[in-house]
Amino acid sequence: MDVIRRQPDRRRILHEDGNTAHRLRVEHDRARLFVELSGEDGKGPWTVMAVDRVSRRYAVAQGETKTAATEDAARALRDLLDP
């Protein structure tokens, strides 16, 4: 399972009113959804929830970068789905 392909038309970014550094991103492909939450200052640690679209099983991971947290969440989800 590869980490989601980055395509601008599939990326959704929200931020907190009054704190544009604090971001929440939602990315998806046909198989998975990724909810990526930055630290309060817009940096790490990032918290990422990966959700399998068919089963709705999910895994959560944290990392100092969005990429690291997303990769860890994707790997944990893969391990749940294919033990």
PDB file of N, CA and C in Angstrom:
ATOM      1  N   MET A   1       0.849  -1.162   0.000  1.00  0.00           N
ATOM      2  CA  MET A   1       0.000   0.000   0.000  1.00  0.00           C
ATOM      3  C   MET A   1       0.899   1.231   0.000  1.00  0.00           C
ATOM      4  N   ASP A   2       0.864   2.002  -1.044  1.00  0.00           N
ATOM      5  CA  ASP A   2       1.651   3.221  -1.125  1.00  0.00           C
ATOM      6  C   ASP A   2       0.955   4.335  -0.374  1.00  0.00           C
ATOM      7  N   VAL A   3       1.749   5.295   0.071  1.00  0.00           N
ATOM      8  CA  VAL A   3       1.158   6.492   0.660  1.00  0.00           C
ATOM      9  C   VAL A   3       0.417   7.218  -0.451  1.00  0.00           C
ATOM     10  N   ILE A   4      -0.621   7.891  -0.096  1.00  0.00           N
ATOM     11  CA  ILE A   4      -1.510   8.544  -1.061  1.00  0.00           C
ATOM     12  C   ILE A   4      -0.734   9.431  -2.034  1.00  0.00           C
ATOM     13  N   ARG A   5      -1.145   9.412  -3.288  1.00  0.00           N
ATOM     14  CA  ARG A   5      -0.552  10.280  -4.289  1.00  0.00           C
ATOM     15  C   ARG A   5      -1.008  11.708  -4.035  1.00  0.00           C
ATOM     16  N   ARG A   6      -0.089  12.645  -4.130  1.00  0.00           N
ATOM     17  CA  ARG A   6      -0.404  14.049  -3.869  1.00  0.00           C
ATOM     18  C   ARG A   6      -0.934  14.707  -5.138  1.00  0.00           C
ATOM     19  N   GLN A   7      -2.196  15.051  -5.143  1.00  0.00           N
ATOM     20  CA  GLN A   7      -2.798  15.737  -6.276  1.00  0.00           C
ATOM     21  C   GLN A   7      -3.573  16.926  -5.735  1.00  0.00           C
ATOM     22  N   PRO A   8      -3.237  18.141  -6.180  1.00  0.00           N
ATOM     23  CA  PRO A   8      -3.876  19.338  -5.624  1.00  0.00           C
ATOM     24  C   PRO A   8      -5.404  19.304  -5.648  1.00  0.00           C
ATOM     25  N   ASP A   9      -6.004  18.695  -6.664  1.00  0.00           N
ATOM     26  CA  ASP A   9      -7.463  18.673  -6.735  1.00  0.00           C
ATOM     27  C   ASP A   9      -8.078  17.733  -5.698  1.00  0.00           C
ATOM     28  N   ARG A  10      -7.278  16.906  -5.046  1.00  0.00           N
ATOM     29  CA  ARG A  10      -7.776  15.990  -4.023  1.00  0.00           C
ATOM     30  C   ARG A  10      -7.419  16.458  -2.616  1.00  0.00           C
ATOM     31  N   ARG A  11      -6.726  17.534  -2.493  1.00  0.00           N
ATOM     32  CA  ARG A  11      -6.276  18.021  -1.189  1.00  0.00           C
ATOM     33  C   ARG A  11      -7.270  19.050  -0.673  1.00  0.00           C
ATOM     34  N   ARG A  12      -7.647  18.909   0.595  1.00  0.00           N
ATOM     35  CA  ARG A  12      -8.538  19.853   1.251  1.00  0.00           C
ATOM     36  C   ARG A  12      -7.825  20.343   2.503  1.00  0.00           C
ATOM     37  N   ILE A  13      -7.654  21.667   2.631  1.00  0.00           N
ATOM     38  CA  ILE A  13      -6.942  22.221   3.771  1.00  0.00           C
ATOM     39  C   ILE A  13      -7.849  23.209   4.493  1.00  0.00           C
ATOM     40  N   LEU A  14      -7.983  23.013   5.792  1.00  0.00           N
ATOM     41  CA  LEU A  14      -8.737  23.919   6.650  1.00  0.00           C
ATOM     42  C   LEU A  14      -7.782  24.471   7.693  1.00  0.00           C
ATOM     43  N   HIS A  15      -8.131  25.613   8.256  1.00  0.00           N
ATOM     44  CA  HIS A  15      -7.343  26.134   9.373  1.00  0.00           C
ATOM     45  C   HIS A  15      -8.282  26.775  10.381  1.00  0.00           C
ATOM     46  N   GLU A  16      -7.777  26.890  11.581  1.00  0.00           N
ATOM     47  CA  GLU A  16      -8.537  27.456  12.678  1.00  0.00           C
ATOM     48  C   GLU A  16      -8.702  28.961  12.488  1.00  0.00           C
ATOM     49  N   ASP A  17      -9.897  29.495  12.759  1.00  0.00           N
ATOM     50  CA  ASP A  17     -10.091  30.944  12.716  1.00  0.00           C
ATOM     51  C   ASP A  17      -9.132  31.603  13.693  1.00  0.00           C
ATOM     52  N   GLY A  18      -8.399  32.579  13.218  1.00  0.00           N
ATOM     53  CA  GLY A  18      -7.460  33.289  14.077  1.00  0.00           C
ATOM     54  C   GLY A  18      -6.121  32.599  14.259  1.00  0.00           C
ATOM     55  N   ASN A  19      -5.964  31.398  13.722  1.00  0.00           N
ATOM     56  CA  ASN A  19      -4.688  30.676  13.829  1.00  0.00           C
ATOM     57  C   ASN A  19      -4.480  29.893  12.536  1.00  0.00           C
ATOM     58  N   THR A  20      -4.089  30.605  11.498  1.00  0.00           N
ATOM     59  CA  THR A  20      -3.951  29.957  10.192  1.00  0.00           C
ATOM     60  C   THR A  20      -2.818  28.941  10.137  1.00  0.00           C
ATOM     61  N   ALA A  21      -1.916  28.959  11.123  1.00  0.00           N
ATOM     62  CA  ALA A  21      -0.834  27.974  11.146  1.00  0.00           C
ATOM     63  C   ALA A  21      -1.351  26.584  11.521  1.00  0.00           C
ATOM     64  N   HIS A  22      -2.407  26.533  12.323  1.00  0.00           N
ATOM     65  CA  HIS A  22      -2.966  25.254  12.767  1.00  0.00           C
ATOM     66  C   HIS A  22      -3.844  24.713  11.646  1.00  0.00           C
ATOM     67  N   ARG A  23      -3.408  23.612  11.017  1.00  0.00           N
ATOM     68  CA  ARG A  23      -4.070  23.126   9.806  1.00  0.00           C
ATOM     69  C   ARG A  23      -4.613  21.715   9.965  1.00  0.00           C
ATOM     70  N   LEU A  24      -5.665  21.474   9.241  1.00  0.00           N
ATOM     71  CA  LEU A  24      -6.232  20.134   9.110  1.00  0.00           C
ATOM     72  C   LEU A  24      -6.350  19.871   7.617  1.00  0.00           C
ATOM     73  N   ARG A  25      -5.790  18.777   7.163  1.00  0.00           N
ATOM     74  CA  ARG A  25      -5.832  18.422   5.741  1.00  0.00           C
ATOM     75  C   ARG A  25      -6.555  17.103   5.591  1.00  0.00           C
ATOM     76  N   VAL A  26      -7.314  16.992   4.531  1.00  0.00           N
ATOM     77  CA  VAL A  26      -7.973  15.735   4.202  1.00  0.00           C
ATOM     78  C   VAL A  26      -7.551  15.373   2.796  1.00  0.00           C
ATOM     79  N   GLU A  27      -6.983  14.180   2.665  1.00  0.00           N
ATOM     80  CA  GLU A  27      -6.585  13.675   1.354  1.00  0.00           C
ATOM     81  C   GLU A  27      -7.193  12.295   1.187  1.00  0.00           C
ATOM     82  N   HIS A  28      -7.392  11.901  -0.060  1.00  0.00           N
ATOM     83  CA  HIS A  28      -8.029  10.606  -0.287  1.00  0.00           C
ATOM     84  C   HIS A  28      -7.676  10.050  -1.646  1.00  0.00           C
ATOM     85  N   ASP A  29      -7.837   8.747  -1.758  1.00  0.00           N
ATOM     86  CA  ASP A  29      -7.809   8.073  -3.044  1.00  0.00           C
ATOM     87  C   ASP A  29      -8.973   7.085  -3.025  1.00  0.00           C
ATOM     88  N   ARG A  30      -9.031   6.185  -3.986  1.00  0.00           N
ATOM     89  CA  ARG A  30     -10.176   5.260  -4.054  1.00  0.00           C
ATOM     90  C   ARG A  30     -10.239   4.303  -2.868  1.00  0.00           C
ATOM     91  N   ALA A  31      -9.120   4.063  -2.210  1.00  0.00           N
ATOM     92  CA  ALA A  31      -9.066   3.070  -1.136  1.00  0.00           C
ATOM     93  C   ALA A  31      -9.065   3.657   0.272  1.00  0.00           C
ATOM     94  N   ARG A  32      -8.473   4.852   0.432  1.00  0.00           N
ATOM     95  CA  ARG A  32      -8.253   5.371   1.781  1.00  0.00           C
ATOM     96  C   ARG A  32      -8.542   6.853   1.908  1.00  0.00           C
ATOM     97  N   LEU A  33      -8.808   7.252   3.146  1.00  0.00           N
ATOM     98  CA  LEU A  33      -8.916   8.659   3.522  1.00  0.00           C
ATOM     99  C   LEU A  33      -7.807   8.937   4.533  1.00  0.00           C
ATOM    100  N   PHE A  34      -7.184  10.100   4.448  1.00  0.00           N
ATOM    101  CA  PHE A  34      -6.183  10.520   5.419  1.00  0.00           C
ATOM    102  C   PHE A  34      -6.608  11.860   6.002  1.00  0.00           C
ATOM    103  N   VAL A  35      -6.736  11.924   7.315  1.00  0.00           N
ATOM    104  CA  VAL A  35      -7.030  13.169   8.017  1.00  0.00           C
ATOM    105  C   VAL A  35      -5.739  13.552   8.728  1.00  0.00           C
ATOM    106  N   GLU A  36      -5.149  14.682   8.345  1.00  0.00           N
ATOM    107  CA  GLU A  36      -3.831  15.085   8.817  1.00  0.00           C
ATOM    108  C   GLU A  36      -3.954  16.389   9.611  1.00  0.00           C
ATOM    109  N   LEU A  37      -3.601  16.347  10.878  1.00  0.00           N
ATOM    110  CA  LEU A  37      -3.739  17.476  11.783  1.00  0.00           C
ATOM    111  C   LEU A  37      -2.369  17.953  12.233  1.00  0.00           C
ATOM    112  N   SER A  38      -2.066  19.228  11.975  1.00  0.00           N
ATOM    113  CA  SER A  38      -0.765  19.777  12.370  1.00  0.00           C
ATOM    114  C   SER A  38      -0.753  20.087  13.856  1.00  0.00           C
ATOM    115  N   GLY A  39       0.447  20.381  14.359  1.00  0.00           N
ATOM    116  CA  GLY A  39       0.561  20.895  15.717  1.00  0.00           C
ATOM    117  C   GLY A  39      -0.058  22.288  15.781  1.00  0.00           C
ATOM    118  N   GLU A  40      -0.240  22.808  16.967  1.00  0.00           N
ATOM    119  CA  GLU A  40      -0.885  24.115  17.131  1.00  0.00           C
ATOM    120  C   GLU A  40      -0.151  25.232  16.404  1.00  0.00           C
ATOM    121  N   ASP A  41       1.171  25.091  16.254  1.00  0.00           N
ATOM    122  CA  ASP A  41       1.963  26.132  15.590  1.00  0.00           C
ATOM    123  C   ASP A  41       2.131  25.867  14.093  1.00  0.00           C
ATOM    124  N   GLY A  42       1.440  24.845  13.581  1.00  0.00           N
ATOM    125  CA  GLY A  42       1.536  24.518  12.161  1.00  0.00           C
ATOM    126  C   GLY A  42       2.675  23.580  11.830  1.00  0.00           C
ATOM    127  N   LYS A  43       3.464  23.248  12.817  1.00  0.00           N
ATOM    128  CA  LYS A  43       4.562  22.308  12.624  1.00  0.00           C
ATOM    129  C   LYS A  43       4.191  21.013  13.310  1.00  0.00           C
ATOM    130  N   GLY A  44       5.190  20.215  13.661  1.00  0.00           N
ATOM    131  CA  GLY A  44       4.919  18.944  14.315  1.00  0.00           C
ATOM    132  C   GLY A  44       4.602  19.109  15.777  1.00  0.00           C
ATOM    133  N   PRO A  45       4.211  18.073  16.426  1.00  0.00           N
ATOM    134  CA  PRO A  45       3.984  16.790  15.779  1.00  0.00           C
ATOM    135  C   PRO A  45       2.667  16.779  15.006  1.00  0.00           C
ATOM    136  N   TRP A  46       2.646  16.011  13.919  1.00  0.00           N
ATOM    137  CA  TRP A  46       1.432  15.811  13.137  1.00  0.00           C
ATOM    138  C   TRP A  46       0.730  14.555  13.638  1.00  0.00           C
ATOM    139  N   THR A  47      -0.584  14.583  13.648  1.00  0.00           N
ATOM    140  CA  THR A  47      -1.389  13.416  13.971  1.00  0.00           C
ATOM    141  C   THR A  47      -2.167  13.065  12.711  1.00  0.00           C
ATOM    142  N   VAL A  48      -2.088  11.806  12.286  1.00  0.00           N
ATOM    143  CA  VAL A  48      -2.746  11.386  11.045  1.00  0.00           C
ATOM    144  C   VAL A  48      -3.604  10.159  11.318  1.00  0.00           C
ATOM    145  N   MET A  49      -4.841  10.218  10.829  1.00  0.00           N
ATOM    146  CA  MET A  49      -5.740   9.070  10.887  1.00  0.00           C
ATOM    147  C   MET A  49      -5.936   8.579   9.455  1.00  0.00           C
ATOM    148  N   ALA A  50      -5.643   7.308   9.224  1.00  0.00           N
ATOM    149  CA  ALA A  50      -5.859   6.671   7.918  1.00  0.00           C
ATOM    150  C   ALA A  50      -7.082   5.768   8.040  1.00  0.00           C
ATOM    151  N   VAL A  51      -8.020   5.899   7.098  1.00  0.00           N
ATOM    152  CA  VAL A  51      -9.271   5.138   7.142  1.00  0.00           C
ATOM    153  C   VAL A  51      -9.428   4.351   5.849  1.00  0.00           C
ATOM    154  N   ASP A  52      -9.684   3.047   5.979  1.00  0.00           N
ATOM    155  CA  ASP A  52     -10.002   2.213   4.819  1.00  0.00           C
ATOM    156  C   ASP A  52     -11.438   2.520   4.416  1.00  0.00           C
ATOM    157  N   ARG A  53     -11.662   2.899   3.161  1.00  0.00           N
ATOM    158  CA  ARG A  53     -12.989   3.342   2.733  1.00  0.00           C
ATOM    159  C   ARG A  53     -14.019   2.220   2.732  1.00  0.00           C
ATOM    160  N   VAL A  54     -13.620   0.983   2.487  1.00  0.00           N
ATOM    161  CA  VAL A  54     -14.576  -0.127   2.421  1.00  0.00           C
ATOM    162  C   VAL A  54     -14.968  -0.600   3.817  1.00  0.00           C
ATOM    163  N   SER A  55     -13.984  -0.924   4.629  1.00  0.00           N
ATOM    164  CA  SER A  55     -14.262  -1.519   5.946  1.00  0.00           C
ATOM    165  C   SER A  55     -14.464  -0.485   7.046  1.00  0.00           C
ATOM    166  N   ARG A  56     -13.979   0.737   6.829  1.00  0.00           N
ATOM    167  CA  ARG A  56     -13.975   1.813   7.827  1.00  0.00           C
ATOM    168  C   ARG A  56     -13.035   1.526   8.990  1.00  0.00           C
ATOM    169  N   ARG A  57     -12.154   0.546   8.843  1.00  0.00           N
ATOM    170  CA  ARG A  57     -11.112   0.325   9.846  1.00  0.00           C
ATOM    171  C   ARG A  57     -10.141   1.497   9.749  1.00  0.00           C
ATOM    172  N   TYR A  58      -9.511   1.829  10.838  1.00  0.00           N
ATOM    173  CA  TYR A  58      -8.637   2.992  10.843  1.00  0.00           C
ATOM    174  C   TYR A  58      -7.412   2.767  11.717  1.00  0.00           C
ATOM    175  N   ALA A  59      -6.410   3.586  11.478  1.00  0.00           N
ATOM    176  CA  ALA A  59      -5.183   3.594  12.278  1.00  0.00           C
ATOM    177  C   ALA A  59      -4.764   5.045  12.451  1.00  0.00           C
ATOM    178  N   VAL A  60      -4.147   5.329  13.584  1.00  0.00           N
ATOM    179  CA  VAL A  60      -3.703   6.685  13.898  1.00  0.00           C
ATOM    180  C   VAL A  60      -2.213   6.645  14.210  1.00  0.00           C
ATOM    181  N   ALA A  61      -1.504   7.652  13.734  1.00  0.00           N
ATOM    182  CA  ALA A  61      -0.065   7.742  14.016  1.00  0.00           C
ATOM    183  C   ALA A  61       0.320   9.200  14.227  1.00  0.00           C
ATOM    184  N   GLN A  62       1.434   9.407  14.913  1.00  0.00           N
ATOM    185  CA  GLN A  62       1.988  10.740  15.094  1.00  0.00           C
ATOM    186  C   GLN A  62       3.430  10.752  14.638  1.00  0.00           C
ATOM    187  N   GLY A  63       3.863  11.905  14.130  1.00  0.00           N
ATOM    188  CA  GLY A  63       5.241  12.060  13.703  1.00  0.00           C
ATOM    189  C   GLY A  63       5.608  13.522  13.646  1.00  0.00           C
ATOM    190  N   GLU A  64       6.885  13.806  13.633  1.00  0.00           N
ATOM    191  CA  GLU A  64       7.341  15.198  13.596  1.00  0.00           C
ATOM    192  C   GLU A  64       7.049  15.873  12.255  1.00  0.00           C
ATOM    193  N   THR A  65       6.903  15.077  11.193  1.00  0.00           N
ATOM    194  CA  THR A  65       6.534  15.638   9.893  1.00  0.00           C
ATOM    195  C   THR A  65       5.237  14.984   9.419  1.00  0.00           C
ATOM    196  N   LYS A  66       4.527  15.683   8.542  1.00  0.00           N
ATOM    197  CA  LYS A  66       3.281  15.143   7.998  1.00  0.00           C
ATOM    198  C   LYS A  66       3.560  13.867   7.219  1.00  0.00           C
ATOM    199  N   THR A  67       4.630  13.855   6.464  1.00  0.00           N
ATOM    200  CA  THR A  67       4.979  12.682   5.672  1.00  0.00           C
ATOM    201  C   THR A  67       5.249  11.467   6.559  1.00  0.00           C
ATOM    202  N   ALA A  68       6.026  11.661   7.617  1.00  0.00           N
ATOM    203  CA  ALA A  68       6.341  10.544   8.513  1.00  0.00           C
ATOM    204  C   ALA A  68       5.080  10.000   9.178  1.00  0.00           C
ATOM    205  N   ALA A  69       4.220  10.896   9.644  1.00  0.00           N
ATOM    206  CA  ALA A  69       2.989  10.454  10.303  1.00  0.00           C
ATOM    207  C   ALA A  69       2.059   9.757   9.319  1.00  0.00           C
ATOM    208  N   THR A  70       1.973  10.258   8.097  1.00  0.00           N
ATOM    209  CA  THR A  70       1.113   9.642   7.081  1.00  0.00           C
ATOM    210  C   THR A  70       1.630   8.263   6.706  1.00  0.00           C
ATOM    211  N   GLU A  71       2.941   8.137   6.521  1.00  0.00           N
ATOM    212  CA  GLU A  71       3.521   6.830   6.201  1.00  0.00           C
ATOM    213  C   GLU A  71       3.282   5.826   7.322  1.00  0.00           C
ATOM    214  N   ASP A  72       3.442   6.268   8.573  1.00  0.00           N
ATOM    215  CA  ASP A  72       3.221   5.368   9.702  1.00  0.00           C
ATOM    216  C   ASP A  72       1.758   4.952   9.812  1.00  0.00           C
ATOM    217  N   ALA A  73       0.840   5.892   9.590  1.00  0.00           N
ATOM    218  CA  ALA A  73      -0.595   5.563   9.642  1.00  0.00           C
ATOM    219  C   ALA A  73      -0.962   4.603   8.511  1.00  0.00           C
ATOM    220  N   ALA A  74      -0.424   4.823   7.311  1.00  0.00           N
ATOM    221  CA  ALA A  74      -0.702   3.935   6.178  1.00  0.00           C
ATOM    222  C   ALA A  74      -0.172   2.529   6.448  1.00  0.00           C
ATOM    223  N   ARG A  75       1.015   2.449   7.026  1.00  0.00           N
ATOM    224  CA  ARG A  75       1.616   1.157   7.357  1.00  0.00           C
ATOM    225  C   ARG A  75       0.790   0.443   8.434  1.00  0.00           C
ATOM    226  N   ALA A  76       0.365   1.176   9.453  1.00  0.00           N
ATOM    227  CA  ALA A  76      -0.445   0.580  10.519  1.00  0.00           C
ATOM    228  C   ALA A  76      -1.791   0.100   9.982  1.00  0.00           C
ATOM    229  N   LEU A  77      -2.383   0.861   9.064  1.00  0.00           N
ATOM    230  CA  LEU A  77      -3.655   0.439   8.464  1.00  0.00           C
ATOM    231  C   LEU A  77      -3.458  -0.813   7.640  1.00  0.00           C
ATOM    232  N   ARG A  78      -2.376  -0.858   6.868  1.00  0.00           N
ATOM    233  CA  ARG A  78      -2.078  -2.048   6.075  1.00  0.00           C
ATOM    234  C   ARG A  78      -1.930  -3.268   6.984  1.00  0.00           C
ATOM    235  N   ASP A  79      -1.253  -3.095   8.114  1.00  0.00           N
ATOM    236  CA  ASP A  79      -1.071  -4.202   9.059  1.00  0.00           C
ATOM    237  C   ASP A  79      -2.403  -4.667   9.643  1.00  0.00           C
ATOM    238  N   LEU A  80      -3.328  -3.748   9.873  1.00  0.00           N
ATOM    239  CA  LEU A  80      -4.666  -4.133  10.365  1.00  0.00           C
ATOM    240  C   LEU A  80      -5.445  -4.924   9.322  1.00  0.00           C
ATOM    241  N   LEU A  81      -5.315  -4.520   8.069  1.00  0.00           N
ATOM    242  CA  LEU A  81      -6.093  -5.133   7.001  1.00  0.00           C
ATOM    243  C   LEU A  81      -5.490  -6.447   6.512  1.00  0.00           C
ATOM    244  N   ASP A  82      -4.168  -6.559   6.571  1.00  0.00           N
ATOM    245  CA  ASP A  82      -3.462  -7.751   6.092  1.00  0.00           C
ATOM    246  C   ASP A  82      -2.522  -8.259   7.185  1.00  0.00           C
ATOM    247  N   PRO A  83      -3.062  -8.837   8.264  1.00  0.00           N
ATOM    248  CA  PRO A  83      -2.207  -9.255   9.388  1.00  0.00           C
ATOM    249  C   PRO A  83      -1.247 -10.372   9.008  1.00  0.00           C
TER     250      PRO A  83
END
